[in-house]
PDB file of N, CA and C in Angstrom:
ATOM      1  N   MET A   1      99.018  73.809 129.773  1.00  0.00           N
ATOM      2  CA  MET A   1      99.237  72.842 129.271  1.00  0.00           C
ATOM      3  C   MET A   1      98.245  71.469 129.455  1.00  0.00           C
ATOM      4  N   ASP A   2      97.873  71.424 130.748  1.00  0.00           N
ATOM      5  CA  ASP A   2      96.704  70.614 131.129  1.00  0.00           C
ATOM      6  C   ASP A   2      95.564  70.688 130.314  1.00  0.00           C
ATOM      7  N   GLU A   3      95.330  71.977 129.873  1.00  0.00           N
ATOM      8  CA  GLU A   3      94.194  72.270 129.072  1.00  0.00           C
ATOM      9  C   GLU A   3      94.046  71.578 127.837  1.00  0.00           C
ATOM     10  N   ILE A   4      95.263  71.863 127.516  1.00  0.00           N
ATOM     11  CA  ILE A   4      95.691  71.199 126.024  1.00  0.00           C
ATOM     12  C   ILE A   4      95.342  69.876 125.764  1.00  0.00           C
ATOM     13  N   ARG A   5      95.973  69.260 126.956  1.00  0.00           N
ATOM     14  CA  ARG A   5      95.860  67.646 127.049  1.00  0.00           C
ATOM     15  C   ARG A   5      94.510  67.249 127.069  1.00  0.00           C
ATOM     16  N   ASP A   6      93.814  68.124 128.203  1.00  0.00           N
ATOM     17  CA  ASP A   6      92.309  67.632 128.192  1.00  0.00           C
ATOM     18  C   ASP A   6      91.214  68.048 126.930  1.00  0.00           C
ATOM     19  N   ALA A   7      91.925  68.874 126.174  1.00  0.00           N
ATOM     20  CA  ALA A   7      90.813  69.293 125.157  1.00  0.00           C
ATOM     21  C   ALA A   7      91.356  68.054 124.072  1.00  0.00           C
ATOM     22  N   ILE A   8      92.532  67.865 123.968  1.00  0.00           N
ATOM     23  CA  ILE A   8      92.788  66.609 122.748  1.00  0.00           C
ATOM     24  C   ILE A   8      92.076  65.148 123.420  1.00  0.00           C
ATOM     25  N   SER A   9      92.089  65.041 124.799  1.00  0.00           N
ATOM     26  CA  SER A   9      91.197  63.734 125.039  1.00  0.00           C
ATOM     27  C   SER A   9      90.095  63.788 125.034  1.00  0.00           C
ATOM     28  N   LYS A  10      89.322  64.867 125.152  1.00  0.00           N
ATOM     29  CA  LYS A  10      87.857  65.335 124.537  1.00  0.00           C
ATOM     30  C   LYS A  10      87.635  65.464 123.275  1.00  0.00           C
ATOM     31  N   THR A  11      88.455  65.420 122.303  1.00  0.00           N
ATOM     32  CA  THR A  11      88.322  65.592 121.245  1.00  0.00           C
ATOM     33  C   THR A  11      88.725  63.960 120.611  1.00  0.00           C
ATOM     34  N   LEU A  12      89.395  63.364 120.997  1.00  0.00           N
ATOM     35  CA  LEU A  12      89.478  62.106 120.851  1.00  0.00           C
ATOM     36  C   LEU A  12      88.276  61.061 121.360  1.00  0.00           C
ATOM     37  N   GLU A  13      87.647  61.187 122.363  1.00  0.00           N
ATOM     38  CA  GLU A  13      86.599  61.039 122.769  1.00  0.00           C
ATOM     39  C   GLU A  13      85.172  61.349 122.373  1.00  0.00           C
ATOM     40  N   ASP A  14      85.331  62.321 121.661  1.00  0.00           N
ATOM     41  CA  ASP A  14      83.981  63.180 121.067  1.00  0.00           C
ATOM     42  C   ASP A  14      84.261  64.236 120.352  1.00  0.00           C
ATOM     43  N   PRO A  15      84.611  63.656 118.741  1.00  0.00           N
ATOM     44  CA  PRO A  15      85.145  64.752 117.871  1.00  0.00           C
ATOM     45  C   PRO A  15      84.098  66.062 117.800  1.00  0.00           C
ATOM     46  N   GLN A  16      82.982  65.570 117.784  1.00  0.00           N
ATOM     47  CA  GLN A  16      81.639  66.694 117.617  1.00  0.00           C
ATOM     48  C   GLN A  16      82.163  67.807 118.697  1.00  0.00           C
ATOM     49  N   TRP A  17      82.598  67.641 119.726  1.00  0.00           N
ATOM     50  CA  TRP A  17      82.774  68.453 120.491  1.00  0.00           C
ATOM     51  C   TRP A  17      83.708  69.680 120.031  1.00  0.00           C
ATOM     52  N   PHE A  18      84.860  69.066 119.220  1.00  0.00           N
ATOM     53  CA  PHE A  18      85.874  69.948 118.542  1.00  0.00           C
ATOM     54  C   PHE A  18      85.149  70.868 117.359  1.00  0.00           C
ATOM     55  N   PHE A  19      84.313  70.084 116.602  1.00  0.00           N
ATOM     56  CA  PHE A  19      83.789  70.477 115.741  1.00  0.00           C
ATOM     57  C   PHE A  19      82.909  71.699 116.128  1.00  0.00           C
ATOM     58  N   THR A  20      81.860  71.610 116.982  1.00  0.00           N
ATOM     59  CA  THR A  20      81.087  72.524 117.644  1.00  0.00           C
ATOM     60  C   THR A  20      81.826  73.614 118.360  1.00  0.00           C
ATOM     61  N   ASN A  21      82.607  73.251 119.246  1.00  0.00           N
ATOM     62  CA  ASN A  21      83.179  74.443 120.395  1.00  0.00           C
ATOM     63  C   ASN A  21      84.420  75.239 119.762  1.00  0.00           C
ATOM     64  N   ILE A  22      85.109  74.527 119.017  1.00  0.00           N
ATOM     65  CA  ILE A  22      86.522  75.172 118.685  1.00  0.00           C
ATOM     66  C   ILE A  22      86.145  75.916 117.396  1.00  0.00           C
ATOM     67  N   LEU A  23      85.811  74.781 116.123  1.00  0.00           N
ATOM     68  CA  LEU A  23      85.837  75.342 114.858  1.00  0.00           C
ATOM     69  C   LEU A  23      84.043  76.072 114.786  1.00  0.00           C
ATOM     70  N   HIS A  24      83.311  75.669 115.363  1.00  0.00           N
ATOM     71  CA  HIS A  24      82.063  76.346 115.076  1.00  0.00           C
ATOM     72  C   HIS A  24      81.322  75.855 113.775  1.00  0.00           C
ATOM     73  N   PHE A  25      81.476  74.644 113.711  1.00  0.00           N
ATOM     74  CA  PHE A  25      81.095  73.835 112.196  1.00  0.00           C
ATOM     75  C   PHE A  25      80.384  72.810 112.777  1.00  0.00           C
ATOM     76  N   PRO A  26      79.123  72.893 112.511  1.00  0.00           N
ATOM     77  CA  PRO A  26      77.865  71.673 112.804  1.00  0.00           C
ATOM     78  C   PRO A  26      78.240  70.391 111.667  1.00  0.00           C
ATOM     79  N   LEU A  27      78.564  69.183 112.391  1.00  0.00           N
ATOM     80  CA  LEU A  27      78.739  68.154 111.251  1.00  0.00           C
ATOM     81  C   LEU A  27      77.629  67.351 111.035  1.00  0.00           C
ATOM     82  N   MET A  28      77.666  66.911 109.885  1.00  0.00           N
ATOM     83  CA  MET A  28      76.440  66.348 109.372  1.00  0.00           C
ATOM     84  C   MET A  28      76.611  64.769 109.899  1.00  0.00           C
ATOM     85  N   ASP A  29      75.954  63.709 109.603  1.00  0.00           N
ATOM     86  CA  ASP A  29      75.958  62.224 110.223  1.00  0.00           C
ATOM     87  C   ASP A  29      77.186  61.616 109.560  1.00  0.00           C
ATOM     88  N   TRP A  30      77.052  61.976 108.203  1.00  0.00           N
ATOM     89  CA  TRP A  30      78.135  61.199 107.328  1.00  0.00           C
ATOM     90  C   TRP A  30      79.898  61.949 107.741  1.00  0.00           C
ATOM     91  N   GLN A  31      79.661  62.893 108.221  1.00  0.00           N
ATOM     92  CA  GLN A  31      80.961  63.453 108.724  1.00  0.00           C
ATOM     93  C   GLN A  31      81.507  63.185 109.846  1.00  0.00           C
ATOM     94  N   LEU A  32      80.630  62.831 111.003  1.00  0.00           N
ATOM     95  CA  LEU A  32      80.987  62.328 112.172  1.00  0.00           C
ATOM     96  C   LEU A  32      81.417  60.992 112.101  1.00  0.00           C
ATOM     97  N   GLU A  33      81.116  60.397 111.048  1.00  0.00           N
ATOM     98  CA  GLU A  33      81.265  59.129 111.035  1.00  0.00           C
ATOM     99  C   GLU A  33      82.613  58.831 110.211  1.00  0.00           C
ATOM    100  N   ALA A  34      82.745  59.655 109.459  1.00  0.00           N
ATOM    101  CA  ALA A  34      84.003  59.854 108.631  1.00  0.00           C
ATOM    102  C   ALA A  34      85.315  60.040 109.696  1.00  0.00           C
ATOM    103  N   ILE A  35      84.900  61.311 110.410  1.00  0.00           N
ATOM    104  CA  ILE A  35      86.095  61.597 111.562  1.00  0.00           C
ATOM    105  C   ILE A  35      86.316  60.470 112.389  1.00  0.00           C
ATOM    106  N   ASN A  36      85.255  59.739 112.835  1.00  0.00           N
ATOM    107  CA  ASN A  36      85.532  59.049 113.881  1.00  0.00           C
ATOM    108  C   ASN A  36      86.216  57.527 113.274  1.00  0.00           C
ATOM    109  N   ALA A  37      86.226  57.480 112.033  1.00  0.00           N
ATOM    110  CA  ALA A  37      86.896  56.280 111.109  1.00  0.00           C
ATOM    111  C   ALA A  37      88.450  56.931 111.433  1.00  0.00           C
ATOM    112  N   VAL A  38      88.334  57.611 111.002  1.00  0.00           N
ATOM    113  CA  VAL A  38      90.078  58.253 110.877  1.00  0.00           C
ATOM    114  C   VAL A  38      90.591  58.340 112.505  1.00  0.00           C
ATOM    115  N   LEU A  39      90.231  58.872 113.328  1.00  0.00           N
ATOM    116  CA  LEU A  39      90.428  59.030 114.338  1.00  0.00           C
ATOM    117  C   LEU A  39      90.537  57.594 115.318  1.00  0.00           C
ATOM    118  N   ASP A  40      89.894  56.704 115.020  1.00  0.00           N
ATOM    119  CA  ASP A  40      90.019  55.011 115.415  1.00  0.00           C
ATOM    120  C   ASP A  40      91.154  54.590 115.235  1.00  0.00           C
ATOM    121  N   ILE A  41      91.947  54.917 114.267  1.00  0.00           N
ATOM    122  CA  ILE A  41      93.184  54.453 113.825  1.00  0.00           C
ATOM    123  C   ILE A  41      94.005  55.139 115.163  1.00  0.00           C
ATOM    124  N   ARG A  42      93.964  56.238 115.482  1.00  0.00           N
ATOM    125  CA  ARG A  42      94.793  56.670 116.907  1.00  0.00           C
ATOM    126  C   ARG A  42      94.374  56.137 117.951  1.00  0.00           C
ATOM    127  N   ARG A  43      93.058  56.005 118.419  1.00  0.00           N
ATOM    128  CA  ARG A  43      92.389  55.288 119.381  1.00  0.00           C
ATOM    129  C   ARG A  43      92.792  54.071 119.830  1.00  0.00           C
ATOM    130  N   SER A  44      92.835  53.318 118.394  1.00  0.00           N
ATOM    131  CA  SER A  44      93.473  51.818 118.188  1.00  0.00           C
ATOM    132  C   SER A  44      94.815  51.859 118.838  1.00  0.00           C
ATOM    133  N   ASN A  45      95.631  52.940 118.446  1.00  0.00           N
ATOM    134  CA  ASN A  45      97.267  52.893 118.858  1.00  0.00           C
ATOM    135  C   ASN A  45      96.963  53.240 120.441  1.00  0.00           C
ATOM    136  N   ASP A  46      96.530  53.886 120.655  1.00  0.00           N
ATOM    137  CA  ASP A  46      96.457  54.525 122.470  1.00  0.00           C
ATOM    138  C   ASP A  46      95.842  53.336 123.071  1.00  0.00           C
ATOM    139  N   GLY A  47      95.216  52.170 122.673  1.00  0.00           N
ATOM    140  CA  GLY A  47      94.337  51.380 123.568  1.00  0.00           C
ATOM    141  C   GLY A  47      93.063  51.865 123.887  1.00  0.00           C
ATOM    142  N   LEU A  48      92.552  52.669 123.061  1.00  0.00           N
ATOM    143  CA  LEU A  48      91.158  53.106 123.292  1.00  0.00           C
ATOM    144  C   LEU A  48      90.169  52.422 122.579  1.00  0.00           C
ATOM    145  N   PRO A  49      88.695  52.623 123.381  1.00  0.00           N
ATOM    146  CA  PRO A  49      87.760  51.603 122.620  1.00  0.00           C
ATOM    147  C   PRO A  49      87.615  52.547 120.713  1.00  0.00           C
ATOM    148  N   THR A  50      87.306  51.763 119.893  1.00  0.00           N
ATOM    149  CA  THR A  50      86.839  52.331 118.499  1.00  0.00           C
ATOM    150  C   THR A  50      85.724  52.437 118.180  1.00  0.00           C
ATOM    151  N   VAL A  51      85.331  53.387 117.359  1.00  0.00           N
ATOM    152  CA  VAL A  51      83.885  53.937 117.434  1.00  0.00           C
ATOM    153  C   VAL A  51      83.157  53.132 115.984  1.00  0.00           C
ATOM    154  N   VAL A  52      83.764  53.284 114.961  1.00  0.00           N
ATOM    155  CA  VAL A  52      83.895  52.728 113.861  1.00  0.00           C
ATOM    156  C   VAL A  52      84.338  51.884 113.011  1.00  0.00           C
ATOM    157  N   ASN A  53      85.715  52.381 112.928  1.00  0.00           N
ATOM    158  CA  ASN A  53      86.543  51.659 112.342  1.00  0.00           C
ATOM    159  C   ASN A  53      87.404  50.731 112.997  1.00  0.00           C
ATOM    160  N   HIS A  54      86.904  49.431 113.708  1.00  0.00           N
ATOM    161  CA  HIS A  54      87.163  48.486 114.649  1.00  0.00           C
ATOM    162  C   HIS A  54      88.560  47.960 114.102  1.00  0.00           C
ATOM    163  N   GLU A  55      88.777  47.703 112.917  1.00  0.00           N
ATOM    164  CA  GLU A  55      90.059  47.224 112.526  1.00  0.00           C
ATOM    165  C   GLU A  55      91.199  48.026 112.268  1.00  0.00           C
ATOM    166  N   ALA A  56      90.732  49.572 112.640  1.00  0.00           N
ATOM    167  CA  ALA A  56      91.941  50.502 112.445  1.00  0.00           C
ATOM    168  C   ALA A  56      92.303  50.768 111.003  1.00  0.00           C
ATOM    169  N   LYS A  57      91.930  50.418 109.866  1.00  0.00           N
ATOM    170  CA  LYS A  57      92.160  50.329 108.866  1.00  0.00           C
ATOM    171  C   LYS A  57      92.664  51.809 108.453  1.00  0.00           C
ATOM    172  N   ALA A  58      93.940  51.969 107.811  1.00  0.00           N
ATOM    173  CA  ALA A  58      94.083  53.524 107.146  1.00  0.00           C
ATOM    174  C   ALA A  58      93.823  53.814 106.276  1.00  0.00           C
ATOM    175  N   ARG A  59      93.201  53.196 105.186  1.00  0.00           N
ATOM    176  CA  ARG A  59      92.607  53.876 103.968  1.00  0.00           C
ATOM    177  C   ARG A  59      91.117  53.904 104.041  1.00  0.00           C
ATOM    178  N   ILE A  60      90.645  54.968 103.975  1.00  0.00           N
ATOM    179  CA  ILE A  60      89.296  55.542 104.137  1.00  0.00           C
ATOM    180  C   ILE A  60      88.770  56.633 102.808  1.00  0.00           C
ATOM    181  N   THR A  61      87.755  55.979 102.383  1.00  0.00           N
ATOM    182  CA  THR A  61      87.434  57.098 101.117  1.00  0.00           C
ATOM    183  C   THR A  61      85.763  57.359 101.353  1.00  0.00           C
ATOM    184  N   ILE A  62      85.394  58.853 100.828  1.00  0.00           N
ATOM    185  CA  ILE A  62      84.292  59.153 100.846  1.00  0.00           C
ATOM    186  C   ILE A  62      84.072  59.651  99.159  1.00  0.00           C
ATOM    187  N   ARG A  63      83.023  58.912  99.037  1.00  0.00           N
ATOM    188  CA  ARG A  63      82.165  58.952  97.833  1.00  0.00           C
ATOM    189  C   ARG A  63      80.887  59.521  97.954  1.00  0.00           C
ATOM    190  N   SER A  64      80.877  60.571  97.191  1.00  0.00           N
ATOM    191  CA  SER A  64      79.457  61.267  97.194  1.00  0.00           C
ATOM    192  C   SER A  64      79.612  62.274  95.852  1.00  0.00           C
ATOM    193  N   CYS A  65      78.206  62.594  95.897  1.00  0.00           N
ATOM    194  CA  CYS A  65      78.091  63.825  94.422  1.00  0.00           C
ATOM    195  C   CYS A  65      78.702  65.022  94.789  1.00  0.00           C
ATOM    196  N   HIS A  66      78.528  65.871  93.980  1.00  0.00           N
ATOM    197  CA  HIS A  66      79.065  67.485  94.266  1.00  0.00           C
ATOM    198  C   HIS A  66      78.194  67.841  95.087  1.00  0.00           C
ATOM    199  N   GLY A  67      78.638  69.024  95.706  1.00  0.00           N
ATOM    200  CA  GLY A  67      78.028  69.900  96.787  1.00  0.00           C
ATOM    201  C   GLY A  67      77.598  69.549  97.917  1.00  0.00           C
ATOM    202  N   THR A  68      78.291  68.102  98.588  1.00  0.00           N
ATOM    203  CA  THR A  68      77.908  67.810  99.927  1.00  0.00           C
ATOM    204  C   THR A  68      78.476  68.288 100.687  1.00  0.00           C
ATOM    205  N   GLY A  69      79.633  68.728 100.752  1.00  0.00           N
ATOM    206  CA  GLY A  69      80.475  69.214 101.957  1.00  0.00           C
ATOM    207  C   GLY A  69      81.826  68.756 102.028  1.00  0.00           C
ATOM    208  N   LYS A  70      82.233  68.005 101.061  1.00  0.00           N
ATOM    209  CA  LYS A  70      83.535  67.405 101.145  1.00  0.00           C
ATOM    210  C   LYS A  70      84.491  67.893 101.445  1.00  0.00           C
ATOM    211  N   THR A  71      84.757  69.030 100.911  1.00  0.00           N
ATOM    212  CA  THR A  71      85.799  69.957 100.889  1.00  0.00           C
ATOM    213  C   THR A  71      86.107  70.618 102.399  1.00  0.00           C
ATOM    214  N   GLN A  72      84.741  70.924 102.317  1.00  0.00           N
ATOM    215  CA  GLN A  72      84.778  71.754 103.956  1.00  0.00           C
ATOM    216  C   GLN A  72      84.924  71.100 105.054  1.00  0.00           C
ATOM    217  N   PHE A  73      84.508  69.788 104.921  1.00  0.00           N
ATOM    218  CA  PHE A  73      84.689  68.785 105.771  1.00  0.00           C
ATOM    219  C   PHE A  73      86.257  68.605 106.057  1.00  0.00           C
ATOM    220  N   LEU A  74      86.790  68.080 104.886  1.00  0.00           N
ATOM    221  CA  LEU A  74      88.167  68.007 104.946  1.00  0.00           C
ATOM    222  C   LEU A  74      89.263  68.985 105.452  1.00  0.00           C
ATOM    223  N   ALA A  75      88.717  70.688 104.978  1.00  0.00           N
ATOM    224  CA  ALA A  75      89.386  71.302 105.629  1.00  0.00           C
ATOM    225  C   ALA A  75      89.344  71.419 107.263  1.00  0.00           C
ATOM    226  N   CYS A  76      88.032  71.296 107.635  1.00  0.00           N
ATOM    227  CA  CYS A  76      87.818  71.155 109.167  1.00  0.00           C
ATOM    228  C   CYS A  76      88.735  70.106 109.551  1.00  0.00           C
ATOM    229  N   PHE A  77      88.773  69.009 109.243  1.00  0.00           N
ATOM    230  CA  PHE A  77      89.336  67.792 109.594  1.00  0.00           C
ATOM    231  C   PHE A  77      90.759  67.845 109.675  1.00  0.00           C
ATOM    232  N   LEU A  78      91.378  68.640 109.034  1.00  0.00           N
ATOM    233  CA  LEU A  78      92.981  68.889 108.939  1.00  0.00           C
ATOM    234  C   LEU A  78      92.927  69.674 110.144  1.00  0.00           C
ATOM    235  N   HIS A  79      92.288  70.875 110.583  1.00  0.00           N
ATOM    236  CA  HIS A  79      92.282  71.270 111.908  1.00  0.00           C
ATOM    237  C   HIS A  79      92.318  70.324 113.175  1.00  0.00           C
ATOM    238  N   VAL A  80      91.178  69.401 112.965  1.00  0.00           N
ATOM    239  CA  VAL A  80      91.276  68.171 114.149  1.00  0.00           C
ATOM    240  C   VAL A  80      92.530  67.553 114.135  1.00  0.00           C
ATOM    241  N   TRP A  81      93.106  66.987 112.943  1.00  0.00           N
ATOM    242  CA  TRP A  81      94.140  66.025 112.937  1.00  0.00           C
ATOM    243  C   TRP A  81      95.673  66.929 113.224  1.00  0.00           C
ATOM    244  N   ASN A  82      95.780  68.207 113.112  1.00  0.00           N
ATOM    245  CA  ASN A  82      96.921  68.863 113.587  1.00  0.00           C
ATOM    246  C   ASN A  82      96.626  69.112 115.116  1.00  0.00           C
ATOM    247  N   PHE A  83      95.604  69.272 115.761  1.00  0.00           N
ATOM    248  CA  PHE A  83      95.114  69.404 116.976  1.00  0.00           C
ATOM    249  C   PHE A  83      95.495  68.360 117.860  1.00  0.00           C
ATOM    250  N   VAL A  84      94.996  67.250 117.315  1.00  0.00           N
ATOM    251  CA  VAL A  84      95.284  65.916 118.073  1.00  0.00           C
ATOM    252  C   VAL A  84      96.692  65.305 118.068  1.00  0.00           C
ATOM    253  N   HIS A  85      97.296  65.548 116.550  1.00  0.00           N
ATOM    254  CA  HIS A  85      98.701  65.232 116.447  1.00  0.00           C
ATOM    255  C   HIS A  85      99.580  66.538 116.151  1.00  0.00           C
ATOM    256  N   TYR A  86     100.850  66.126 116.573  1.00  0.00           N
ATOM    257  CA  TYR A  86     101.723  67.757 116.326  1.00  0.00           C
ATOM    258  C   TYR A  86     102.610  67.213 115.067  1.00  0.00           C
ATOM    259  N   GLY A  87     102.493  67.768 114.007  1.00  0.00           N
ATOM    260  CA  GLY A  87     103.078  67.456 112.803  1.00  0.00           C
ATOM    261  C   GLY A  87     102.284  68.399 111.633  1.00  0.00           C
ATOM    262  N   LYS A  88     102.865  68.089 110.417  1.00  0.00           N
ATOM    263  CA  LYS A  88     102.487  68.316 108.950  1.00  0.00           C
ATOM    264  C   LYS A  88     101.476  67.475 108.612  1.00  0.00           C
ATOM    265  N   ILE A  89     100.888  67.772 107.469  1.00  0.00           N
ATOM    266  CA  ILE A  89      99.972  66.999 106.992  1.00  0.00           C
ATOM    267  C   ILE A  89     100.206  67.150 105.412  1.00  0.00           C
ATOM    268  N   ALA A  90     100.418  66.413 104.720  1.00  0.00           N
ATOM    269  CA  ALA A  90     100.696  66.598 103.028  1.00  0.00           C
ATOM    270  C   ALA A  90      99.543  66.163 102.401  1.00  0.00           C
ATOM    271  N   CYS A  91      98.815  67.054 101.655  1.00  0.00           N
ATOM    272  CA  CYS A  91      97.762  67.180 100.656  1.00  0.00           C
ATOM    273  C   CYS A  91      98.012  67.099  99.434  1.00  0.00           C
ATOM    274  N   THR A  92      97.264  65.962  98.755  1.00  0.00           N
ATOM    275  CA  THR A  92      97.210  66.222  97.145  1.00  0.00           C
ATOM    276  C   THR A  92      96.213  66.206  96.541  1.00  0.00           C
ATOM    277  N   ALA A  93      96.026  66.478  95.402  1.00  0.00           N
ATOM    278  CA  ALA A  93      95.016  66.461  94.435  1.00  0.00           C
ATOM    279  C   ALA A  93      95.364  66.471  93.280  1.00  0.00           C
ATOM    280  N   PRO A  94      94.617  65.947  92.354  1.00  0.00           N
ATOM    281  CA  PRO A  94      94.728  65.811  90.789  1.00  0.00           C
ATOM    282  C   PRO A  94      95.466  66.842  90.254  1.00  0.00           C
ATOM    283  N   LYS A  95      94.620  68.124  90.514  1.00  0.00           N
ATOM    284  CA  LYS A  95      95.139  69.519  90.332  1.00  0.00           C
ATOM    285  C   LYS A  95      95.469  70.527  91.198  1.00  0.00           C
ATOM    286  N   GLN A  96      96.119  71.217  90.797  1.00  0.00           N
ATOM    287  CA  GLN A  96      96.966  72.446  91.891  1.00  0.00           C
ATOM    288  C   GLN A  96      95.757  73.422  92.171  1.00  0.00           C
ATOM    289  N   ASP A  97      94.857  73.729  91.258  1.00  0.00           N
ATOM    290  CA  ASP A  97      93.715  74.561  91.391  1.00  0.00           C
ATOM    291  C   ASP A  97      92.878  73.924  92.612  1.00  0.00           C
ATOM    292  N   GLN A  98      92.840  72.551  92.721  1.00  0.00           N
ATOM    293  CA  GLN A  98      91.520  72.030  93.810  1.00  0.00           C
ATOM    294  C   GLN A  98      92.349  72.258  94.946  1.00  0.00           C
ATOM    295  N   LEU A  99      93.487  72.415  95.153  1.00  0.00           N
ATOM    296  CA  LEU A  99      94.163  72.771  96.652  1.00  0.00           C
ATOM    297  C   LEU A  99      94.027  74.048  96.764  1.00  0.00           C
ATOM    298  N   LEU A 100      94.659  75.057  95.718  1.00  0.00           N
ATOM    299  CA  LEU A 100      94.852  76.447  95.920  1.00  0.00           C
ATOM    300  C   LEU A 100      93.378  77.042  95.889  1.00  0.00           C
ATOM    301  N   LYS A 101      92.518  76.746  95.095  1.00  0.00           N
ATOM    302  CA  LYS A 101      91.100  77.564  94.846  1.00  0.00           C
ATOM    303  C   LYS A 101      90.159  76.727  95.881  1.00  0.00           C
ATOM    304  N   ARG A 102      90.430  75.668  96.248  1.00  0.00           N
ATOM    305  CA  ARG A 102      89.089  75.125  97.046  1.00  0.00           C
ATOM    306  C   ARG A 102      89.496  74.723  98.434  1.00  0.00           C
ATOM    307  N   LEU A 103      90.340  73.779  98.522  1.00  0.00           N
ATOM    308  CA  LEU A 103      90.660  73.584 100.030  1.00  0.00           C
ATOM    309  C   LEU A 103      91.582  74.433 100.785  1.00  0.00           C
ATOM    310  N   LEU A 104      92.445  75.063 100.467  1.00  0.00           N
ATOM    311  CA  LEU A 104      93.258  76.025 101.504  1.00  0.00           C
ATOM    312  C   LEU A 104      92.091  77.396 101.726  1.00  0.00           C
ATOM    313  N   PRO A 105      91.585  77.900 100.956  1.00  0.00           N
ATOM    314  CA  PRO A 105      90.579  78.992 101.157  1.00  0.00           C
ATOM    315  C   PRO A 105      89.605  78.241 102.254  1.00  0.00           C
ATOM    316  N   ARG A 106      88.938  77.439 102.427  1.00  0.00           N
ATOM    317  CA  ARG A 106      88.359  76.714 103.641  1.00  0.00           C
ATOM    318  C   ARG A 106      88.985  76.780 104.614  1.00  0.00           C
ATOM    319  N   TYR A 107      90.106  76.008 104.595  1.00  0.00           N
ATOM    320  CA  TYR A 107      90.880  75.725 105.434  1.00  0.00           C
ATOM    321  C   TYR A 107      91.493  77.156 106.505  1.00  0.00           C
ATOM    322  N   ARG A 108      91.629  78.159 105.426  1.00  0.00           N
ATOM    323  CA  ARG A 108      91.889  79.550 106.439  1.00  0.00           C
ATOM    324  C   ARG A 108      90.644  80.069 106.753  1.00  0.00           C
ATOM    325  N   LEU A 109      89.401  80.106 105.953  1.00  0.00           N
ATOM    326  CA  LEU A 109      88.353  80.471 106.635  1.00  0.00           C
ATOM    327  C   LEU A 109      87.966  79.658 107.924  1.00  0.00           C
ATOM    328  N   ALA A 110      87.772  78.789 108.152  1.00  0.00           N
ATOM    329  CA  ALA A 110      87.728  77.501 109.282  1.00  0.00           C
ATOM    330  C   ALA A 110      88.510  78.188 110.270  1.00  0.00           C
ATOM    331  N   TYR A 111      89.830  78.291 110.021  1.00  0.00           N
ATOM    332  CA  TYR A 111      90.844  78.751 111.014  1.00  0.00           C
ATOM    333  C   TYR A 111      90.484  80.274 111.600  1.00  0.00           C
ATOM    334  N   SER A 112      90.176  81.001 110.635  1.00  0.00           N
ATOM    335  CA  SER A 112      89.949  82.546 111.072  1.00  0.00           C
ATOM    336  C   SER A 112      88.459  82.730 112.038  1.00  0.00           C
ATOM    337  N   GLU A 113      87.969  81.750 111.764  1.00  0.00           N
ATOM    338  CA  GLU A 113      86.563  81.224 112.429  1.00  0.00           C
ATOM    339  C   GLU A 113      86.776  80.690 113.929  1.00  0.00           C
ATOM    340  N   ALA A 114      87.734  79.955 114.044  1.00  0.00           N
ATOM    341  CA  ALA A 114      88.090  79.018 115.188  1.00  0.00           C
ATOM    342  C   ALA A 114      88.485  79.822 116.625  1.00  0.00           C
ATOM    343  N   LYS A 115      87.967  78.983 117.338  1.00  0.00           N
ATOM    344  CA  LYS A 115      88.261  79.831 118.846  1.00  0.00           C
ATOM    345  C   LYS A 115      89.767  79.616 119.339  1.00  0.00           C
ATOM    346  N   PRO A 116      90.456  80.701 119.626  1.00  0.00           N
ATOM    347  CA  PRO A 116      91.826  80.504 119.759  1.00  0.00           C
ATOM    348  C   PRO A 116      92.071  79.716 121.117  1.00  0.00           C
ATOM    349  N   PHE A 117      93.225  78.678 120.937  1.00  0.00           N
ATOM    350  CA  PHE A 117      93.413  77.870 122.234  1.00  0.00           C
ATOM    351  C   PHE A 117      94.846  78.034 122.408  1.00  0.00           C
TER     352      PHE A 117
END
C-alpha cells in the first residue's frame, strides 16, 4: 500500500515519471505542459505548489492540427487520472465513432503495454 501512495506522490510531483516508467510513453513538451495543467488542480487542492496552472482553472483546451498526438495523449492521460484519483471518467465526443474507433483502442493499447502495478 505504501508503494502505491509513493507512486501517486511521485506522479503528482513528476508526471513524466508515470508516462516513462509505467506507460512507456515518452511525452512531448506540449503534452507535459498539458498534463501538469490538469494535475495542478489536484496539487492546488492538496496545498502543493503548482507548475503551470497557478490559478487551478478547471477548463483546459488543446488546439492543434491533425496528427499531433492528441488522442494518444488523452488515452494515456486517462490512465494517469485513474491512477491519481480513484473513480470513473466520463468521456464524450461529437460522434460515437471517435470514442469507439479512436480513443478506446489507444486506451487499451496503453493499458496492455503498461507496467502492472
